[in-house]
């Protein structure tokens, strides 16, 4: 049980309590829910220390919630997405990638018969959209586009191309080590 303090940090009318409770039920954001709960508890007469301890925040945060509620009402407790740099390259790529996938990669000078994430990233870079292949992969996932991963294999039956199959198997065994070695000695920038 949370101990009740001597002075309430905020006085709430029945209408304000009902408004806070309905907003608390409708919000999906944990931070906003916690802020509304803190103001409600503070309005019921609980001390800032007790509210902070029960919600796992600092006393200062409880005071900030109360101040935000006094100044802006329930809207002051609804947490907004923090401002940041707007995506520019990603938006351009989201428009361009579906158009690119409709065309054959060999038209753009790639040897493979199907698109691969790294090739899409290279083509976008040629077109002035500089994204890493990880970003391209994330955009493909956002667009719900899945690419079939090419397998490194030698064509033909098991008995044919035995030497080529053995080379591929050996390459697969040492490919990770070679990649690490080349990344370690690469000079950036």
C-alpha atoms as a PDB file:
ATOM      1  CA  UNK A   1       0.000   0.000   0.000  1.00  0.00           C
ATOM      2  CA  UNK A   2       1.272   3.458  -0.902  1.00  0.00           C
ATOM      3  CA  UNK A   3       1.416   5.837   2.080  1.00  0.00           C
ATOM      4  CA  UNK A   4      -0.656   8.993   1.771  1.00  0.00           C
ATOM      5  CA  UNK A   5       1.267  12.261   2.078  1.00  0.00           C
ATOM      6  CA  UNK A   6       0.162  15.357   3.974  1.00  0.00           C
ATOM      7  CA  UNK A   7      -0.441  17.521   0.908  1.00  0.00           C
ATOM      8  CA  UNK A   8      -1.715  16.437  -2.469  1.00  0.00           C
ATOM      9  CA  UNK A   9       0.464  17.641  -5.318  1.00  0.00           C
ATOM     10  CA  UNK A  10      -2.537  18.317  -7.487  1.00  0.00           C
ATOM     11  CA  UNK A  11      -6.265  18.762  -6.925  1.00  0.00           C
ATOM     12  CA  UNK A  12      -8.462  16.836  -9.331  1.00  0.00           C
ATOM     13  CA  UNK A  13     -12.206  17.224  -9.787  1.00  0.00           C
ATOM     14  CA  UNK A  14     -14.354  14.163 -10.516  1.00  0.00           C
ATOM     15  CA  UNK A  15     -14.545  15.219 -14.168  1.00  0.00           C
ATOM     16  CA  UNK A  16     -10.733  15.443 -14.391  1.00  0.00           C
ATOM     17  CA  UNK A  17     -10.338  12.044 -12.692  1.00  0.00           C
ATOM     18  CA  UNK A  18     -12.787  10.456 -15.128  1.00  0.00           C
ATOM     19  CA  UNK A  19     -11.025  12.109 -18.078  1.00  0.00           C
ATOM     20  CA  UNK A  20      -7.642  10.812 -16.889  1.00  0.00           C
ATOM     21  CA  UNK A  21      -8.997   7.302 -16.279  1.00  0.00           C
ATOM     22  CA  UNK A  22     -10.611   7.078 -19.717  1.00  0.00           C
ATOM     23  CA  UNK A  23      -7.440   8.412 -21.386  1.00  0.00           C
ATOM     24  CA  UNK A  24      -5.412   5.889 -19.381  1.00  0.00           C
ATOM     25  CA  UNK A  25      -7.609   3.032 -20.626  1.00  0.00           C
ATOM     26  CA  UNK A  26      -7.339   4.101 -24.257  1.00  0.00           C
ATOM     27  CA  UNK A  27      -3.587   4.742 -24.415  1.00  0.00           C
ATOM     28  CA  UNK A  28      -1.242   2.052 -25.704  1.00  0.00           C
ATOM     29  CA  UNK A  29       1.944   3.853 -24.716  1.00  0.00           C
ATOM     30  CA  UNK A  30       3.459   2.613 -21.445  1.00  0.00           C
ATOM     31  CA  UNK A  31       5.059   5.972 -20.635  1.00  0.00           C
ATOM     32  CA  UNK A  32       1.793   7.870 -21.053  1.00  0.00           C
ATOM     33  CA  UNK A  33      -0.049   5.270 -18.983  1.00  0.00           C
ATOM     34  CA  UNK A  34       2.524   5.619 -16.219  1.00  0.00           C
ATOM     35  CA  UNK A  35       2.305   9.439 -16.295  1.00  0.00           C
ATOM     36  CA  UNK A  36      -1.488   9.396 -16.067  1.00  0.00           C
ATOM     37  CA  UNK A  37      -1.356   6.876 -13.219  1.00  0.00           C
ATOM     38  CA  UNK A  38       1.167   9.078 -11.398  1.00  0.00           C
ATOM     39  CA  UNK A  39      -1.052  12.161 -11.681  1.00  0.00           C
ATOM     40  CA  UNK A  40      -4.103  10.186 -10.532  1.00  0.00           C
ATOM     41  CA  UNK A  41      -2.239   8.827  -7.501  1.00  0.00           C
ATOM     42  CA  UNK A  42      -0.877  12.278  -6.707  1.00  0.00           C
ATOM     43  CA  UNK A  43      -4.409  13.681  -6.976  1.00  0.00           C
ATOM     44  CA  UNK A  44      -5.636  11.048  -4.491  1.00  0.00           C
ATOM     45  CA  UNK A  45      -3.203  12.414  -1.944  1.00  0.00           C
ATOM     46  CA  UNK A  46      -0.218  10.107  -2.215  1.00  0.00           C
ATOM     47  CA  UNK A  47       3.213  11.615  -1.703  1.00  0.00           C
ATOM     48  CA  UNK A  48       5.525  12.173  -4.662  1.00  0.00           C
ATOM     49  CA  UNK A  49       8.073   9.864  -3.068  1.00  0.00           C
ATOM     50  CA  UNK A  50       5.547   7.034  -2.743  1.00  0.00           C
ATOM     51  CA  UNK A  51       4.230   7.499  -6.288  1.00  0.00           C
ATOM     52  CA  UNK A  52       7.761   7.590  -7.689  1.00  0.00           C
ATOM     53  CA  UNK A  53       8.733   4.441  -5.815  1.00  0.00           C
ATOM     54  CA  UNK A  54       5.626   2.513  -6.896  1.00  0.00           C
ATOM     55  CA  UNK A  55       6.006   3.499 -10.578  1.00  0.00           C
ATOM     56  CA  UNK A  56       9.778   3.099 -10.692  1.00  0.00           C
ATOM     57  CA  UNK A  57      10.609   6.702 -11.574  1.00  0.00           C
ATOM     58  CA  UNK A  58      12.237   9.638  -9.808  1.00  0.00           C
ATOM     59  CA  UNK A  59      10.352  12.184  -7.716  1.00  0.00           C
ATOM     60  CA  UNK A  60      11.366  14.845 -10.202  1.00  0.00           C
ATOM     61  CA  UNK A  61       9.551  12.921 -12.930  1.00  0.00           C
ATOM     62  CA  UNK A  62       6.358  12.855 -10.836  1.00  0.00           C
ATOM     63  CA  UNK A  63       6.587  16.625 -10.343  1.00  0.00           C
ATOM     64  CA  UNK A  64       7.151  17.088 -14.094  1.00  0.00           C
ATOM     65  CA  UNK A  65       4.014  15.036 -14.865  1.00  0.00           C
ATOM     66  CA  UNK A  66       1.948  17.148 -12.460  1.00  0.00           C
ATOM     67  CA  UNK A  67       3.290  20.358 -13.992  1.00  0.00           C
ATOM     68  CA  UNK A  68       2.584  19.115 -17.527  1.00  0.00           C
ATOM     69  CA  UNK A  69      -0.959  18.178 -16.503  1.00  0.00           C
ATOM     70  CA  UNK A  70      -1.569  21.592 -14.911  1.00  0.00           C
ATOM     71  CA  UNK A  71      -0.325  23.404 -18.023  1.00  0.00           C
ATOM     72  CA  UNK A  72      -1.721  21.252 -20.850  1.00  0.00           C
ATOM     73  CA  UNK A  73      -4.162  18.771 -19.324  1.00  0.00           C
ATOM     74  CA  UNK A  74      -4.219  15.177 -20.540  1.00  0.00           C
ATOM     75  CA  UNK A  75      -2.410  16.182 -23.752  1.00  0.00           C
ATOM     76  CA  UNK A  76       0.597  17.152 -21.628  1.00  0.00           C
ATOM     77  CA  UNK A  77       0.872  13.546 -20.404  1.00  0.00           C
ATOM     78  CA  UNK A  78       0.678  11.923 -23.824  1.00  0.00           C
ATOM     79  CA  UNK A  79       4.244  11.297 -24.859  1.00  0.00           C
ATOM     80  CA  UNK A  80       5.104  12.238 -28.413  1.00  0.00           C
ATOM     81  CA  UNK A  81       7.663  10.657 -30.668  1.00  0.00           C
ATOM     82  CA  UNK A  82      10.953  12.472 -30.052  1.00  0.00           C
ATOM     83  CA  UNK A  83      11.994  14.759 -32.890  1.00  0.00           C
ATOM     84  CA  UNK A  84      14.810  13.615 -35.069  1.00  0.00           C
ATOM     85  CA  UNK A  85      16.185  13.808 -38.535  1.00  0.00           C
ATOM     86  CA  UNK A  86      13.466  12.939 -41.040  1.00  0.00           C
ATOM     87  CA  UNK A  87      14.247   9.972 -43.280  1.00  0.00           C
ATOM     88  CA  UNK A  88      15.156  11.183 -46.743  1.00  0.00           C
ATOM     89  CA  UNK A  89      17.127   8.412 -48.413  1.00  0.00           C
ATOM     90  CA  UNK A  90      14.804   5.721 -47.077  1.00  0.00           C
ATOM     91  CA  UNK A  91      11.714   7.410 -48.491  1.00  0.00           C
ATOM     92  CA  UNK A  92      13.331   7.719 -51.914  1.00  0.00           C
ATOM     93  CA  UNK A  93      14.405   4.068 -51.764  1.00  0.00           C
ATOM     94  CA  UNK A  94      10.919   2.888 -50.755  1.00  0.00           C
ATOM     95  CA  UNK A  95       9.574   4.395 -53.967  1.00  0.00           C
ATOM     96  CA  UNK A  96      12.421   3.174 -56.174  1.00  0.00           C
ATOM     97  CA  UNK A  97      12.930  -0.429 -54.953  1.00  0.00           C
ATOM     98  CA  UNK A  98       9.599  -1.873 -56.215  1.00  0.00           C
ATOM     99  CA  UNK A  99      10.247  -0.326 -59.646  1.00  0.00           C
ATOM    100  CA  UNK A 100      13.771  -1.765 -59.636  1.00  0.00           C
ATOM    101  CA  UNK A 101      12.623  -5.272 -58.715  1.00  0.00           C
ATOM    102  CA  UNK A 102      10.287  -5.399 -61.719  1.00  0.00           C
ATOM    103  CA  UNK A 103      13.290  -5.171 -64.041  1.00  0.00           C
ATOM    104  CA  UNK A 104      15.949  -7.786 -64.722  1.00  0.00           C
ATOM    105  CA  UNK A 105      19.206  -7.155 -62.799  1.00  0.00           C
ATOM    106  CA  UNK A 106      21.213  -8.065 -65.896  1.00  0.00           C
ATOM    107  CA  UNK A 107      19.914  -4.889 -67.568  1.00  0.00           C
ATOM    108  CA  UNK A 108      21.879  -2.966 -64.941  1.00  0.00           C
ATOM    109  CA  UNK A 109      25.086  -4.943 -65.467  1.00  0.00           C
ATOM    110  CA  UNK A 110      24.717  -7.557 -62.732  1.00  0.00           C
ATOM    111  CA  UNK A 111      25.601 -11.140 -63.643  1.00  0.00           C
ATOM    112  CA  UNK A 112      22.991 -12.825 -61.474  1.00  0.00           C
ATOM    113  CA  UNK A 113      19.565 -13.611 -62.865  1.00  0.00           C
ATOM    114  CA  UNK A 114      17.747 -12.380 -59.768  1.00  0.00           C
ATOM    115  CA  UNK A 115      18.044  -9.431 -57.407  1.00  0.00           C
ATOM    116  CA  UNK A 116      20.151  -9.730 -54.269  1.00  0.00           C
ATOM    117  CA  UNK A 117      20.082  -7.176 -51.423  1.00  0.00           C
ATOM    118  CA  UNK A 118      23.684  -6.080 -52.010  1.00  0.00           C
ATOM    119  CA  UNK A 119      23.024  -5.567 -55.721  1.00  0.00           C
ATOM    120  CA  UNK A 120      19.948  -3.475 -54.957  1.00  0.00           C
ATOM    121  CA  UNK A 121      22.064  -1.327 -52.607  1.00  0.00           C
ATOM    122  CA  UNK A 122      24.757  -0.935 -55.299  1.00  0.00           C
ATOM    123  CA  UNK A 123      22.201   0.078 -57.928  1.00  0.00           C
ATOM    124  CA  UNK A 124      20.559   2.577 -55.566  1.00  0.00           C
ATOM    125  CA  UNK A 125      23.983   4.067 -54.861  1.00  0.00           C
ATOM    126  CA  UNK A 126      24.563   4.472 -58.613  1.00  0.00           C
ATOM    127  CA  UNK A 127      21.253   6.338 -58.757  1.00  0.00           C
ATOM    128  CA  UNK A 128      22.271   8.686 -55.932  1.00  0.00           C
ATOM    129  CA  UNK A 129      20.489   6.953 -53.020  1.00  0.00           C
ATOM    130  CA  UNK A 130      23.282   6.007 -50.641  1.00  0.00           C
ATOM    131  CA  UNK A 131      22.076   3.215 -48.335  1.00  0.00           C
ATOM    132  CA  UNK A 132      23.815   0.253 -46.746  1.00  0.00           C
ATOM    133  CA  UNK A 133      22.634  -3.231 -47.645  1.00  0.00           C
ATOM    134  CA  UNK A 134      21.287  -3.585 -44.081  1.00  0.00           C
ATOM    135  CA  UNK A 135      19.086  -0.527 -44.630  1.00  0.00           C
ATOM    136  CA  UNK A 136      17.896  -1.932 -47.948  1.00  0.00           C
ATOM    137  CA  UNK A 137      17.088  -5.227 -46.206  1.00  0.00           C
ATOM    138  CA  UNK A 138      15.084  -3.356 -43.547  1.00  0.00           C
ATOM    139  CA  UNK A 139      13.188  -1.403 -46.229  1.00  0.00           C
ATOM    140  CA  UNK A 140      12.400  -4.643 -48.075  1.00  0.00           C
ATOM    141  CA  UNK A 141      11.057  -6.049 -44.815  1.00  0.00           C
ATOM    142  CA  UNK A 142       8.936  -2.897 -44.281  1.00  0.00           C
ATOM    143  CA  UNK A 143       7.563  -3.241 -47.804  1.00  0.00           C
ATOM    144  CA  UNK A 144       6.865  -6.939 -47.095  1.00  0.00           C
ATOM    145  CA  UNK A 145       9.054  -8.015 -50.006  1.00  0.00           C
ATOM    146  CA  UNK A 146      11.113 -11.151 -49.528  1.00  0.00           C
ATOM    147  CA  UNK A 147      13.917 -12.075 -51.850  1.00  0.00           C
ATOM    148  CA  UNK A 148      14.971 -15.645 -52.411  1.00  0.00           C
ATOM    149  CA  UNK A 149      18.526 -16.113 -51.192  1.00  0.00           C
ATOM    150  CA  UNK A 150      20.777 -17.521 -53.920  1.00  0.00           C
ATOM    151  CA  UNK A 151      22.604 -20.728 -53.056  1.00  0.00           C
ATOM    152  CA  UNK A 152      26.203 -21.209 -54.024  1.00  0.00           C
ATOM    153  CA  UNK A 153      26.138 -24.492 -55.918  1.00  0.00           C
ATOM    154  CA  UNK A 154      27.419 -26.148 -59.042  1.00  0.00           C
ATOM    155  CA  UNK A 155      24.761 -27.072 -61.584  1.00  0.00           C
ATOM    156  CA  UNK A 156      24.227 -30.676 -62.623  1.00  0.00           C
ATOM    157  CA  UNK A 157      23.848 -33.993 -60.892  1.00  0.00           C
ATOM    158  CA  UNK A 158      25.852 -35.156 -57.894  1.00  0.00           C
ATOM    159  CA  UNK A 159      28.305 -37.130 -60.025  1.00  0.00           C
ATOM    160  CA  UNK A 160      28.887 -34.397 -62.584  1.00  0.00           C
ATOM    161  CA  UNK A 161      30.941 -31.328 -61.689  1.00  0.00           C
ATOM    162  CA  UNK A 162      32.498 -33.082 -58.687  1.00  0.00           C
ATOM    163  CA  UNK A 163      35.583 -30.842 -58.768  1.00  0.00           C
ATOM    164  CA  UNK A 164      33.468 -27.651 -58.895  1.00  0.00           C
ATOM    165  CA  UNK A 165      31.312 -28.860 -55.983  1.00  0.00           C
ATOM    166  CA  UNK A 166      34.420 -29.556 -53.920  1.00  0.00           C
ATOM    167  CA  UNK A 167      35.735 -26.032 -54.628  1.00  0.00           C
ATOM    168  CA  UNK A 168      32.441 -24.523 -53.495  1.00  0.00           C
ATOM    169  CA  UNK A 169      32.435 -26.624 -50.304  1.00  0.00           C
ATOM    170  CA  UNK A 170      36.015 -25.538 -49.537  1.00  0.00           C
ATOM    171  CA  UNK A 171      35.127 -21.903 -50.241  1.00  0.00           C
ATOM    172  CA  UNK A 172      32.139 -22.091 -47.873  1.00  0.00           C
ATOM    173  CA  UNK A 173      34.399 -23.492 -45.150  1.00  0.00           C
ATOM    174  CA  UNK A 174      36.888 -20.611 -45.304  1.00  0.00           C
ATOM    175  CA  UNK A 175      34.637 -17.754 -46.497  1.00  0.00           C
ATOM    176  CA  UNK A 176      33.946 -16.452 -42.980  1.00  0.00           C
ATOM    177  CA  UNK A 177      37.640 -16.319 -42.103  1.00  0.00           C
ATOM    178  CA  UNK A 178      38.481 -14.567 -45.377  1.00  0.00           C
ATOM    179  CA  UNK A 179      35.773 -11.990 -44.795  1.00  0.00           C
ATOM    180  CA  UNK A 180      37.088 -11.231 -41.295  1.00  0.00           C
ATOM    181  CA  UNK A 181      40.630 -10.979 -42.629  1.00  0.00           C
ATOM    182  CA  UNK A 182      39.717  -8.510 -45.375  1.00  0.00           C
ATOM    183  CA  UNK A 183      37.642  -6.368 -42.984  1.00  0.00           C
ATOM    184  CA  UNK A 184      40.481  -6.202 -40.447  1.00  0.00           C
ATOM    185  CA  UNK A 185      42.975  -4.816 -42.950  1.00  0.00           C
ATOM    186  CA  UNK A 186      40.659  -2.491 -44.819  1.00  0.00           C
ATOM    187  CA  UNK A 187      41.404   1.208 -44.540  1.00  0.00           C
ATOM    188  CA  UNK A 188      38.391   3.452 -44.146  1.00  0.00           C
ATOM    189  CA  UNK A 189      38.069   6.984 -45.167  1.00  0.00           C
END
